[in-house]
Amino acid sequence: MAITSANQLELLQTAEAVAREKMIDPSLVIEAMEESLARAAKSRYGSEMDIRVSIDRKTGRATFTRVRTVVEEEELENYQAEMTVETAKQYLENPVVGDQFVEEVPPVDMGRIAAQSAKQVILQKVREAERDRQFAEFQDRAGTIINGQVKREEYGNVIVDVGRGEAILRRNEKIGRESYRPNDRIRCYIKDVRRETRGPQIFLSRTAPEFMAELFKMEVPEIYDGIIEIKAVARDPGSRAKIAVISYDGSIDPVGACVGMRGSRVQAVVNELQGEKIDIIPWNEDVPTFLVNALQPAEVTKVVLDEEAERIEVVVPEEQLSLAIGRRGQNVRLASMLTGLDIDIMTEEEESARRQKEYEERTKLFVEALDLDEFFAQLLVSEGFTSLEEVAYVELDELLVIDGVDEGTAEELQTRARENLEAQARKALESARELGAVDSLIEFEGLTPQMVEALAKDGVLTLEDFATCADWELAGGWTTVDGERVKDDGLLEPFDVSLEEAQDLVMTARIILGWVDPAELEADAEEEELGEDGETLAEEEAR
């Protein structure tokens, strides 16, 4: 096939037709044609040559050119595509390295094999452009709902026609035991779009919490307009869900707006989710209040929050326990997902028994350590004293408020408490030395003898050993294993050492040992502070 005037316009017409069919830019098709023609020309003139083809976008005329680049003499490798400065003087005026000499060469006649090769190049380029367009289109739509048509089902996975491509709804992303037949209409959430060699892979979901949030956005105009915000969603797909909402307009009830007139809005979402029951809960910044709302319909008597451990204790009446926990623990599990906290539920009787046990343990401590009678020890506990340290180092006035305690009695109590603590410290120190703890660790400021003993029992005997410890090893923490939060016990956790305190202790030990330069730490801290100030400033400017 020769590129003659008769078929020059056909190139442009073919490019436009292909581009229109595949919905891609016509210039991409023309570039593919240029590449295929250049490849055919190289097979005719020689593969070593740098042959380029340019197709005029208006006339369709294809211009074949040979390019030779000027290089250093010692770098000359390809005589067909490169030349030295001396050689270039025949063709160029004052040539320098990097200059190019371009000359037009006659167009080639395409043989059958060359034409077939050109066709393959064009098809490949068109296919790549089509994939890029699909990826860009669906990547922008990730995080939204899409309507599609079921094409087929493969091993429980549903292949969905989404217009300009195919998407997959995996078995574990379907609600319950949903089954679909070819040509069924289906509505899904675009969870992820990945670029792969065989084209963009679009992953759908009907179980994602975001799917429910997007459905509410479609049904409730106030959410779409930003007047009401969905703060959290927790789902047990196909069974039950909880959704927390807040209104930024005092005149609009967020729960009522989501429910709609006679439940019309929420019912539309329920129908789409195969009858999934939905609890709509008002969101609150106060975590205990929010949790009480999240545990509806159960009534809560008392809430105790442990922010550091991200745990919360909830006390409910005996008759409300099964309602609070829910069938197979569903209610408390969803409330936990919604708040992001581990929830311990106990009845009023269980809480009372636990409090009584703590009361008895503290009373026994004061009886034995301070040589008091039981009644006097109970008075101390009733006034809120929980440890010997509190009695030993509290202001004298706080002991004088206890009935029957005068100044002399208060001083005697503090003396006994301090003597007991000193005896415990001496005993702990002796134990630590016997275990092999050295002076560098014993004399390290910030560690009590009891702490040193606890460290020595775990094999931490020197300041070097201590400096290699991680903060969580000392203070303890929580890790998530198979979706459940698991407690990691810290060596110094019984002494109420926080994660921040553990970090400071370890860093101080490293500075003393010369492992860390304090000047570098200060510089890093200043950079971090400047970064935070910059972010704050940017946020203020944005507002």
Protein backbone atom coordinates (compact mmCIF):
# COMPACT_ATOMS: atom_id res chain seq x y z
CA MET A 1 0.00 0.00 0.00
CA ALA A 2 1.59 3.30 -1.07
CA ILE A 3 0.73 6.56 0.66
CA THR A 4 -0.70 8.44 -2.34
CA SER A 5 -2.90 11.51 -2.59
CA ALA A 6 -5.87 9.21 -3.16
CA ASN A 7 -5.65 7.68 0.26
CA GLN A 8 -4.12 10.57 2.24
CA LEU A 9 -7.54 11.84 3.36
CA GLU A 10 -8.56 8.26 4.13
CA LEU A 11 -5.93 8.25 6.92
CA LEU A 12 -7.67 11.15 8.65
CA GLN A 13 -11.13 9.69 8.09
CA THR A 14 -10.03 6.30 9.48
CA ALA A 15 -8.41 7.97 12.50
CA GLU A 16 -11.57 9.96 13.27
CA ALA A 17 -13.81 6.89 12.83
CA VAL A 18 -11.69 4.75 15.17
CA ALA A 19 -11.44 7.58 17.72
CA ARG A 20 -15.20 8.12 17.62
CA GLU A 21 -15.90 4.40 18.04
CA LYS A 22 -13.46 3.97 20.94
CA MET A 23 -14.17 7.43 22.40
CA ILE A 24 -10.54 8.51 22.45
CA ASP A 25 -8.60 11.49 21.10
CA PRO A 26 -8.13 11.27 17.25
CA SER A 27 -4.54 12.56 17.64
CA LEU A 28 -3.69 9.37 19.56
CA VAL A 29 -4.81 7.28 16.57
CA ILE A 30 -2.78 9.46 14.18
CA GLU A 31 0.31 9.10 16.43
CA ALA A 32 -0.16 5.32 16.28
CA MET A 33 -0.34 5.53 12.48
CA GLU A 34 2.85 7.62 12.39
CA GLU A 35 4.65 5.04 14.50
CA SER A 36 3.44 2.15 12.35
CA LEU A 37 4.50 3.92 9.11
CA ALA A 38 7.91 4.71 10.65
CA ARG A 39 8.33 1.06 11.57
CA ALA A 40 7.47 0.02 8.00
CA ALA A 41 9.95 2.57 6.59
CA LYS A 42 12.71 1.23 8.87
CA SER A 43 12.15 -2.26 7.50
CA ARG A 44 12.63 -0.80 4.01
CA TYR A 45 15.56 1.60 4.62
CA GLY A 46 17.24 -0.24 7.53
CA SER A 47 16.47 -0.64 11.21
CA GLU A 48 19.60 1.33 12.21
CA MET A 49 18.20 4.52 10.69
CA ASP A 50 16.20 7.06 12.69
CA ILE A 51 13.18 7.34 10.39
CA ARG A 52 10.28 9.51 11.52
CA VAL A 53 6.86 10.07 9.98
CA SER A 54 4.64 13.09 10.36
CA ILE A 55 1.03 13.14 9.17
CA ASP A 56 -0.45 16.55 8.43
CA ARG A 57 -3.62 16.91 10.56
CA LYS A 58 -5.41 18.84 7.79
CA THR A 59 -4.39 17.23 4.50
CA GLY A 60 -3.44 13.77 5.70
CA ARG A 61 -0.10 13.96 3.83
CA ALA A 62 2.54 11.70 5.38
CA THR A 63 6.10 13.09 5.39
CA PHE A 64 8.98 10.64 5.83
CA THR A 65 12.21 12.09 7.28
CA ARG A 66 15.60 10.70 8.25
CA VAL A 67 17.18 12.26 11.36
CA ARG A 68 20.89 12.23 12.16
CA THR A 69 22.15 13.59 15.48
CA VAL A 70 25.54 15.26 16.04
CA VAL A 71 27.58 13.50 18.77
CA GLU A 72 31.15 13.51 20.15
CA GLU A 73 33.56 11.49 18.02
CA GLU A 74 34.29 8.99 20.81
CA GLU A 75 30.55 8.48 21.40
CA LEU A 76 29.76 7.67 17.76
CA GLU A 77 28.17 4.19 17.65
CA ASN A 78 25.43 4.21 15.01
CA TYR A 79 26.70 5.65 11.69
CA GLN A 80 23.17 5.59 10.21
CA ALA A 81 21.58 7.79 12.92
CA GLU A 82 24.60 9.72 14.28
CA MET A 83 27.53 11.72 12.92
CA THR A 84 30.50 13.66 14.23
CA VAL A 85 30.87 17.44 14.20
CA GLU A 86 33.35 17.19 11.26
CA THR A 87 30.94 15.17 9.15
CA ALA A 88 28.04 17.46 10.06
CA LYS A 89 29.88 20.47 8.57
CA GLN A 90 28.91 19.11 5.12
CA TYR A 91 25.23 19.61 5.96
CA LEU A 92 25.05 22.22 8.73
CA GLU A 93 26.60 25.60 9.37
CA ASN A 94 28.62 25.69 12.64
CA PRO A 95 27.27 22.38 13.98
CA VAL A 96 27.54 21.55 17.69
CA VAL A 97 26.88 18.36 19.67
CA GLY A 98 23.15 17.80 19.96
CA ASP A 99 22.19 19.39 16.63
CA GLN A 100 20.08 17.33 14.26
CA PHE A 101 20.18 17.10 10.47
CA VAL A 102 16.75 16.28 9.03
CA GLU A 103 16.27 15.25 5.42
CA GLU A 104 13.14 14.06 3.67
CA VAL A 105 13.16 10.58 2.19
CA PRO A 106 10.77 9.05 -0.38
CA PRO A 107 7.61 7.42 1.05
CA VAL A 108 7.61 3.65 1.08
CA ASP A 109 5.32 1.10 -0.47
CA MET A 110 3.86 -1.11 2.24
CA GLY A 111 3.99 -4.81 1.55
CA ARG A 112 1.44 -7.21 2.99
CA ILE A 113 3.55 -8.03 6.06
CA ALA A 114 4.39 -4.37 6.74
CA ALA A 115 0.72 -3.41 6.44
CA GLN A 116 -0.25 -6.19 8.85
CA SER A 117 2.43 -5.02 11.29
CA ALA A 118 1.20 -1.44 11.00
CA LYS A 119 -2.34 -2.56 11.72
CA GLN A 120 -1.17 -4.38 14.88
CA VAL A 121 0.67 -1.27 16.10
CA ILE A 122 -2.38 0.90 15.57
CA LEU A 123 -4.69 -1.59 17.31
CA GLN A 124 -2.29 -1.88 20.26
CA LYS A 125 -2.01 1.90 20.63
CA VAL A 126 -5.77 2.32 20.38
CA ARG A 127 -6.29 -0.41 22.98
CA GLU A 128 -3.83 1.25 25.38
CA ALA A 129 -5.47 4.64 24.89
CA GLU A 130 -8.89 3.10 25.52
CA ARG A 131 -7.63 1.48 28.75
CA ASP A 132 -6.11 4.77 29.92
CA ARG A 133 -9.39 6.55 29.24
CA GLN A 134 -11.36 3.89 31.13
CA PHE A 135 -8.98 4.01 34.10
CA ALA A 136 -9.10 7.81 34.29
CA GLU A 137 -12.89 7.83 34.03
CA PHE A 138 -13.55 5.20 36.70
CA GLN A 139 -10.77 6.39 38.99
CA ASP A 140 -12.58 9.74 39.21
CA ARG A 141 -15.79 7.86 40.06
CA ALA A 142 -14.25 5.75 42.85
CA GLY A 143 -16.17 6.35 46.06
CA THR A 144 -19.50 6.83 44.28
CA ILE A 145 -22.48 4.64 43.42
CA ILE A 146 -22.85 3.19 39.93
CA ASN A 147 -25.75 1.44 38.20
CA GLY A 148 -24.92 -1.56 36.07
CA GLN A 149 -26.29 -4.66 34.42
CA VAL A 150 -25.33 -8.20 35.43
CA LYS A 151 -23.50 -10.03 32.62
CA ARG A 152 -22.68 -13.32 34.32
CA GLU A 153 -21.71 -14.97 37.58
CA GLU A 154 -18.36 -16.75 38.01
CA TYR A 155 -17.64 -18.78 41.15
CA GLY A 156 -19.91 -16.55 43.20
CA ASN A 157 -18.41 -13.33 41.80
CA VAL A 158 -20.73 -11.15 39.72
CA ILE A 159 -19.41 -9.55 36.52
CA VAL A 160 -21.24 -6.25 35.96
CA ASP A 161 -21.50 -4.23 32.74
CA VAL A 162 -20.99 -0.59 33.79
CA GLY A 163 -21.29 0.99 30.36
CA ARG A 164 -17.75 1.47 29.05
CA GLY A 165 -16.23 -1.45 30.86
CA GLU A 166 -16.76 -4.41 33.13
CA ALA A 167 -16.58 -4.42 36.93
CA ILE A 168 -16.50 -7.24 39.47
CA LEU A 169 -18.61 -7.66 42.59
CA ARG A 170 -16.80 -10.25 44.68
CA ARG A 171 -18.65 -12.90 46.65
CA ASN A 172 -17.70 -11.35 50.02
CA GLU A 173 -18.91 -7.91 48.88
CA LYS A 174 -22.49 -9.13 48.30
CA ILE A 175 -25.20 -8.75 50.93
CA GLY A 176 -26.12 -12.05 52.56
CA ARG A 177 -27.02 -14.66 50.00
CA GLU A 178 -27.85 -12.32 47.14
CA SER A 179 -28.00 -14.02 43.76
CA TYR A 180 -28.31 -12.37 40.37
CA ARG A 181 -29.30 -13.48 36.89
CA PRO A 182 -27.96 -12.09 33.60
CA ASN A 183 -29.46 -8.71 32.64
CA ASP A 184 -30.57 -7.91 36.24
CA ARG A 185 -30.09 -4.25 37.14
CA ILE A 186 -27.72 -3.72 40.09
CA ARG A 187 -26.57 -0.74 42.12
CA CYS A 188 -23.10 -0.86 43.74
CA TYR A 189 -20.41 1.27 45.35
CA ILE A 190 -17.13 1.66 43.43
CA LYS A 191 -14.67 0.57 46.11
CA ASP A 192 -11.42 0.50 44.17
CA VAL A 193 -10.04 1.00 40.65
CA ARG A 194 -6.65 -0.53 39.81
CA ARG A 195 -4.53 -0.24 36.70
CA GLU A 196 -3.48 -3.72 35.54
CA THR A 197 -1.91 -5.14 32.36
CA ARG A 198 -5.21 -6.50 31.08
CA GLY A 199 -6.89 -3.13 31.61
CA PRO A 200 -8.44 -1.25 34.53
CA GLN A 201 -9.96 -3.52 37.19
CA ILE A 202 -13.05 -2.03 38.85
CA PHE A 203 -14.02 -3.54 42.20
CA LEU A 204 -17.58 -3.04 43.46
CA SER A 205 -19.13 -3.48 46.89
CA ARG A 206 -22.58 -3.62 48.44
CA THR A 207 -21.35 -4.35 51.99
CA ALA A 208 -19.09 -1.30 52.44
CA PRO A 209 -20.30 1.24 55.05
CA GLU A 210 -19.68 3.94 52.43
CA PHE A 211 -22.37 2.35 50.21
CA MET A 212 -24.99 3.09 52.86
CA ALA A 213 -23.65 6.61 53.35
CA GLU A 214 -23.87 7.31 49.59
CA LEU A 215 -27.42 5.90 49.46
CA PHE A 216 -28.48 8.30 52.22
CA LYS A 217 -26.80 11.13 50.32
CA MET A 218 -28.97 10.28 47.30
CA GLU A 219 -32.18 10.08 49.35
CA VAL A 220 -31.64 13.00 51.77
CA PRO A 221 -31.07 16.39 50.07
CA GLU A 222 -29.82 17.92 53.34
CA ILE A 223 -26.87 15.46 53.36
CA TYR A 224 -26.10 16.20 49.71
CA ASP A 225 -26.15 19.95 50.47
CA GLY A 226 -23.87 19.55 53.51
CA ILE A 227 -26.46 20.73 56.07
CA ILE A 228 -26.39 17.26 57.65
CA GLU A 229 -23.17 15.21 57.83
CA ILE A 230 -22.78 11.47 58.25
CA LYS A 231 -20.06 11.15 60.92
CA ALA A 232 -19.85 7.35 61.20
CA VAL A 233 -21.41 4.18 59.78
CA ALA A 234 -21.28 0.63 61.16
CA ARG A 235 -22.85 -2.29 59.31
CA ASP A 236 -23.62 -5.94 59.73
CA PRO A 237 -24.52 -6.27 56.02
CA GLY A 238 -28.02 -7.55 55.35
CA SER A 239 -28.94 -7.61 59.04
CA ARG A 240 -28.50 -4.36 60.96
CA ALA A 241 -26.66 -1.04 60.76
CA LYS A 242 -26.07 2.10 62.79
CA ILE A 243 -25.43 5.51 61.26
CA ALA A 244 -24.43 8.63 63.23
CA VAL A 245 -25.51 12.03 61.86
CA ILE A 246 -25.12 15.66 62.90
CA SER A 247 -26.95 18.78 61.71
CA TYR A 248 -25.20 22.12 61.17
CA ASP A 249 -28.55 23.91 61.13
CA GLY A 250 -30.23 24.17 64.55
CA SER A 251 -33.68 24.19 62.95
CA ILE A 252 -33.20 20.79 61.24
CA ASP A 253 -33.42 17.52 63.15
CA PRO A 254 -30.77 15.22 61.58
CA VAL A 255 -32.54 11.99 62.59
CA GLY A 256 -35.95 13.18 61.38
CA ALA A 257 -34.52 14.38 58.06
CA CYS A 258 -32.90 10.97 57.43
CA VAL A 259 -36.07 9.09 58.37
CA GLY A 260 -38.27 11.24 56.13
CA MET A 261 -42.04 11.60 55.99
CA ARG A 262 -43.52 8.35 57.36
CA GLY A 263 -40.07 6.78 57.01
CA SER A 264 -40.00 7.18 53.22
CA ARG A 265 -36.33 8.14 52.96
CA VAL A 266 -34.89 5.49 55.25
CA GLN A 267 -37.23 2.89 53.75
CA ALA A 268 -35.80 3.51 50.29
CA VAL A 269 -32.32 2.71 51.67
CA VAL A 270 -33.61 -0.34 53.57
CA ASN A 271 -35.21 -1.73 50.40
CA GLU A 272 -31.94 -1.35 48.46
CA LEU A 273 -30.06 -3.15 51.25
CA GLN A 274 -32.32 -6.22 51.31
CA GLY A 275 -34.25 -5.19 54.42
CA GLU A 276 -31.23 -4.24 56.57
CA LYS A 277 -32.52 -2.59 59.77
CA ILE A 278 -30.99 0.86 60.28
CA ASP A 279 -30.62 2.76 63.58
CA ILE A 280 -30.12 6.49 62.94
CA ILE A 281 -28.27 8.07 65.87
CA PRO A 282 -27.52 11.73 66.69
CA TRP A 283 -23.74 12.23 66.81
CA ASN A 284 -22.20 13.96 69.83
CA GLU A 285 -18.65 15.19 70.51
CA ASP A 286 -18.93 13.92 74.08
CA VAL A 287 -17.93 10.25 73.73
CA PRO A 288 -19.98 8.88 76.68
CA THR A 289 -23.10 10.70 75.43
CA PHE A 290 -22.53 9.43 71.90
CA LEU A 291 -22.10 5.89 73.22
CA VAL A 292 -25.34 6.06 75.17
CA ASN A 293 -27.05 7.06 71.90
CA ALA A 294 -25.22 4.32 69.97
CA LEU A 295 -26.43 1.58 72.34
CA GLN A 296 -30.06 2.41 71.68
CA PRO A 297 -32.61 0.93 72.18
CA ALA A 298 -30.97 -0.21 75.46
CA GLU A 299 -30.98 2.19 78.44
CA VAL A 300 -27.60 2.96 80.04
CA THR A 301 -27.18 3.74 83.76
CA LYS A 302 -23.51 4.71 83.85
CA VAL A 303 -20.52 5.15 81.51
CA VAL A 304 -16.82 5.04 82.52
CA LEU A 305 -14.34 6.08 79.79
CA ASP A 306 -10.66 5.07 79.69
CA GLU A 307 -9.36 7.27 76.84
CA GLU A 308 -5.76 6.00 76.98
CA ALA A 309 -6.80 2.36 76.54
CA GLU A 310 -9.63 3.36 74.16
CA ARG A 311 -12.00 1.28 76.26
CA ILE A 312 -15.31 2.16 77.80
CA GLU A 313 -17.34 0.49 80.53
CA VAL A 314 -21.10 0.64 80.33
CA VAL A 315 -23.40 -0.21 83.23
CA VAL A 316 -26.98 -1.23 82.42
CA PRO A 317 -29.89 -2.57 84.51
CA GLU A 318 -30.14 -6.38 84.62
CA GLU A 319 -33.28 -6.42 82.45
CA GLN A 320 -31.54 -4.29 79.78
CA LEU A 321 -28.40 -6.46 79.46
CA SER A 322 -29.61 -8.74 76.64
CA LEU A 323 -30.99 -5.73 74.73
CA ALA A 324 -27.70 -3.81 75.09
CA ILE A 325 -25.62 -6.78 73.90
CA GLY A 326 -28.07 -7.69 71.14
CA ARG A 327 -28.54 -10.93 69.28
CA ARG A 328 -25.13 -12.64 69.02
CA GLY A 329 -23.54 -9.47 70.39
CA GLN A 330 -24.67 -7.48 67.36
CA ASN A 331 -25.80 -4.28 69.11
CA VAL A 332 -22.67 -3.81 71.20
CA ARG A 333 -20.44 -4.79 68.25
CA LEU A 334 -22.00 -2.16 65.99
CA ALA A 335 -21.80 0.46 68.76
CA SER A 336 -18.12 -0.38 69.18
CA MET A 337 -17.48 -0.01 65.42
CA LEU A 338 -19.38 3.29 65.40
CA THR A 339 -17.44 4.85 68.31
CA GLY A 340 -14.09 3.17 67.66
CA LEU A 341 -13.90 2.01 71.29
CA ASP A 342 -13.86 -1.37 72.99
CA ILE A 343 -17.01 -1.65 75.09
CA ASP A 344 -17.40 -3.70 78.25
CA ILE A 345 -21.02 -4.10 79.30
CA MET A 346 -21.90 -5.09 82.86
CA THR A 347 -25.04 -5.08 84.97
CA GLU A 348 -25.53 -2.83 87.99
CA GLU A 349 -25.11 -5.91 90.23
CA GLU A 350 -21.77 -6.82 88.60
CA GLU A 351 -20.52 -3.25 88.89
CA SER A 352 -21.58 -3.10 92.53
CA ALA A 353 -19.77 -6.39 93.26
CA ARG A 354 -16.60 -5.11 91.58
CA ARG A 355 -16.69 -1.84 93.51
CA GLN A 356 -17.19 -3.79 96.74
CA LYS A 357 -14.19 -5.96 95.92
CA GLU A 358 -11.99 -2.89 95.26
CA TYR A 359 -13.23 -1.35 98.53
CA GLU A 360 -12.28 -4.47 100.48
CA GLU A 361 -8.85 -4.72 98.81
CA ARG A 362 -7.98 -1.08 99.64
CA THR A 363 -9.27 -1.46 103.20
CA LYS A 364 -7.06 -4.54 103.67
CA LEU A 365 -4.04 -2.62 102.26
CA PHE A 366 -4.43 0.18 104.82
CA VAL A 367 -5.09 -2.24 107.68
CA GLU A 368 -1.90 -4.20 106.99
CA ALA A 369 0.44 -1.42 105.85
CA LEU A 370 -0.57 1.30 108.33
CA ASP A 371 -1.49 -0.99 111.27
CA LEU A 372 -5.04 0.47 111.47
CA ASP A 373 -8.29 -1.06 112.64
CA GLU A 374 -10.80 -1.92 109.91
CA PHE A 375 -13.16 0.96 110.68
CA PHE A 376 -10.42 3.58 110.36
CA ALA A 377 -9.14 2.00 107.15
CA GLN A 378 -12.68 2.10 105.72
CA LEU A 379 -12.86 5.83 106.52
CA LEU A 380 -9.72 6.41 104.43
CA VAL A 381 -11.13 4.44 101.50
CA SER A 382 -14.50 6.24 101.74
CA GLU A 383 -12.68 9.59 101.47
CA GLY A 384 -11.18 8.44 98.14
CA PHE A 385 -7.69 7.32 99.18
CA THR A 386 -6.57 4.42 96.98
CA SER A 387 -2.83 3.99 97.67
CA LEU A 388 -0.13 4.47 100.30
CA GLU A 389 1.50 7.18 98.14
CA GLU A 390 -1.66 9.29 98.39
CA VAL A 391 -1.69 9.02 102.19
CA ALA A 392 2.07 9.67 102.51
CA TYR A 393 2.37 12.74 100.29
CA VAL A 394 -1.08 14.38 100.34
CA GLU A 395 -1.55 17.80 101.95
CA LEU A 396 -2.18 17.42 105.69
CA ASP A 397 -5.48 19.34 105.38
CA GLU A 398 -6.96 16.56 103.24
CA LEU A 399 -6.47 14.07 106.09
CA LEU A 400 -7.90 16.44 108.68
CA VAL A 401 -11.35 16.41 106.99
CA ILE A 402 -11.79 12.76 108.07
CA ASP A 403 -13.90 12.36 111.17
CA GLY A 404 -11.80 11.76 114.31
CA VAL A 405 -8.48 12.71 112.67
CA ASP A 406 -6.55 15.53 114.34
CA GLU A 407 -3.18 16.96 113.35
CA GLY A 408 -1.19 14.46 115.45
CA THR A 409 -3.11 11.49 114.01
CA ALA A 410 -2.65 12.79 110.44
CA GLU A 411 1.12 13.18 110.95
CA GLU A 412 1.32 9.68 112.42
CA LEU A 413 -0.57 8.26 109.39
CA GLN A 414 1.83 9.95 106.98
CA THR A 415 4.88 8.78 108.95
CA ARG A 416 3.67 5.16 108.88
CA ALA A 417 2.87 5.36 105.16
CA ARG A 418 6.31 6.80 104.32
CA GLU A 419 8.12 4.21 106.47
CA ASN A 420 6.19 1.43 104.73
CA LEU A 421 7.03 2.84 101.27
CA GLU A 422 10.72 3.17 102.23
CA ALA A 423 10.76 -0.45 103.44
CA GLN A 424 9.18 -1.57 100.15
CA ALA A 425 11.78 0.45 98.22
CA ARG A 426 14.69 -1.10 100.15
CA LYS A 427 13.31 -4.60 99.59
CA ALA A 428 12.78 -3.93 95.85
CA LEU A 429 16.32 -2.54 95.56
CA GLU A 430 17.84 -5.60 97.20
CA SER A 431 15.82 -7.86 94.91
CA ALA A 432 16.92 -5.89 91.83
CA ARG A 433 20.60 -6.12 92.79
CA GLU A 434 20.26 -9.87 93.40
CA LEU A 435 18.76 -10.20 89.91
CA GLY A 436 21.82 -8.40 88.45
CA ALA A 437 20.66 -4.79 88.02
CA VAL A 438 23.66 -2.42 87.86
CA ASP A 439 24.11 1.09 89.28
CA SER A 440 23.65 2.83 85.91
CA LEU A 441 20.04 1.59 85.83
CA ILE A 442 19.37 1.86 89.59
CA GLU A 443 20.55 5.50 89.73
CA PHE A 444 18.74 6.54 86.55
CA GLU A 445 16.42 9.42 87.41
CA GLY A 446 12.76 8.62 86.77
CA LEU A 447 12.85 4.96 87.82
CA THR A 448 11.73 3.92 91.32
CA PRO A 449 13.29 0.85 93.01
CA GLN A 450 10.06 -1.08 92.30
CA MET A 451 10.33 -0.15 88.60
CA VAL A 452 13.98 -1.27 88.53
CA GLU A 453 12.96 -4.58 90.13
CA ALA A 454 10.21 -5.11 87.51
CA LEU A 455 12.70 -4.37 84.71
CA ALA A 456 15.34 -6.69 86.22
CA LYS A 457 12.82 -9.54 86.43
CA ASP A 458 12.43 -9.21 82.65
CA GLY A 459 16.17 -9.17 81.97
CA VAL A 460 16.60 -5.37 81.66
CA LEU A 461 19.69 -4.96 83.89
CA THR A 462 21.68 -2.03 82.47
CA LEU A 463 20.99 1.46 81.17
CA GLU A 464 21.97 0.16 77.71
CA ASP A 465 19.28 -2.55 77.98
CA PHE A 466 16.75 0.08 79.01
CA ALA A 467 17.70 2.41 76.12
CA THR A 468 16.91 -0.33 73.57
CA CYS A 469 13.34 -0.78 74.90
CA ALA A 470 10.40 0.46 72.83
CA ASP A 471 7.94 2.83 74.52
CA TRP A 472 5.06 0.32 74.20
CA GLU A 473 7.18 -2.39 75.83
CA LEU A 474 7.35 -0.19 78.93
CA ALA A 475 3.92 1.47 78.95
CA GLY A 476 1.89 -1.27 77.26
CA GLY A 477 -0.64 -0.71 74.50
CA TRP A 478 -3.19 -2.23 72.19
CA THR A 479 -2.76 -4.00 68.87
CA THR A 480 -5.38 -5.24 66.41
CA VAL A 481 -5.19 -8.96 65.60
CA ASP A 482 -7.74 -10.44 63.16
CA GLY A 483 -10.00 -7.44 63.68
CA GLU A 484 -9.91 -7.66 67.49
CA ARG A 485 -8.00 -5.36 69.84
CA VAL A 486 -5.50 -7.29 71.97
CA LYS A 487 -3.80 -5.93 75.10
CA ASP A 488 0.02 -5.76 75.25
CA ASP A 489 1.18 -5.62 78.88
CA GLY A 490 4.00 -3.13 79.58
CA LEU A 491 6.85 -3.72 82.07
CA LEU A 492 6.12 -0.42 83.85
CA GLU A 493 2.35 -0.41 83.26
CA PRO A 494 1.53 -1.33 86.91
CA PHE A 495 3.22 1.95 87.90
CA ASP A 496 0.90 4.03 85.66
CA VAL A 497 3.69 5.07 83.26
CA SER A 498 2.09 6.63 80.16
CA LEU A 499 3.35 6.17 76.61
CA GLU A 500 4.68 9.75 76.53
CA GLU A 501 6.53 9.28 79.85
CA ALA A 502 8.03 6.02 78.54
CA GLN A 503 9.22 7.83 75.39
CA ASP A 504 10.86 10.57 77.47
CA LEU A 505 12.60 8.04 79.77
CA VAL A 506 14.01 6.00 76.86
CA MET A 507 15.15 9.12 74.97
CA THR A 508 16.86 10.51 78.11
CA ALA A 509 18.72 7.20 78.55
CA ARG A 510 19.88 7.35 74.92
CA ILE A 511 21.12 10.92 75.37
CA ILE A 512 23.06 9.95 78.53
CA LEU A 513 24.68 7.07 76.64
CA GLY A 514 25.58 9.38 73.76
CA TRP A 515 23.41 7.51 71.24
CA VAL A 516 21.36 10.60 70.43
CA ASP A 517 22.44 14.23 70.02
CA PRO A 518 20.05 16.50 72.01
CA ALA A 519 20.71 19.35 69.56
CA GLU A 520 19.34 17.23 66.69
CA LEU A 521 16.26 16.39 68.77
CA GLU A 522 15.61 20.09 69.40
CA ALA A 523 16.00 20.86 65.69
CA ASP A 524 13.54 18.07 64.76
CA ALA A 525 11.06 19.33 67.36
CA GLU A 526 11.31 22.88 65.98
CA GLU A 527 10.75 21.62 62.41
CA GLU A 528 7.71 19.64 63.53
CA GLU A 529 6.33 22.68 65.35
CA LEU A 530 6.89 24.88 62.30
CA GLY A 531 5.15 22.26 60.13
CA GLU A 532 2.14 22.22 62.43
CA ASP A 533 2.03 26.05 62.46
CA GLY A 534 2.19 26.04 58.65
CA GLU A 535 -0.70 23.57 58.41
CA THR A 536 -2.75 25.66 60.85
CA LEU A 537 -2.02 28.82 58.83
CA ALA A 538 -2.99 27.07 55.58
CA GLU A 539 -6.24 25.87 57.16
CA GLU A 540 -7.04 29.39 58.39
CA GLU A 541 -6.34 30.84 54.92
CA ALA A 542 -8.56 28.19 53.35
CA ARG A 543 -11.37 29.14 55.69
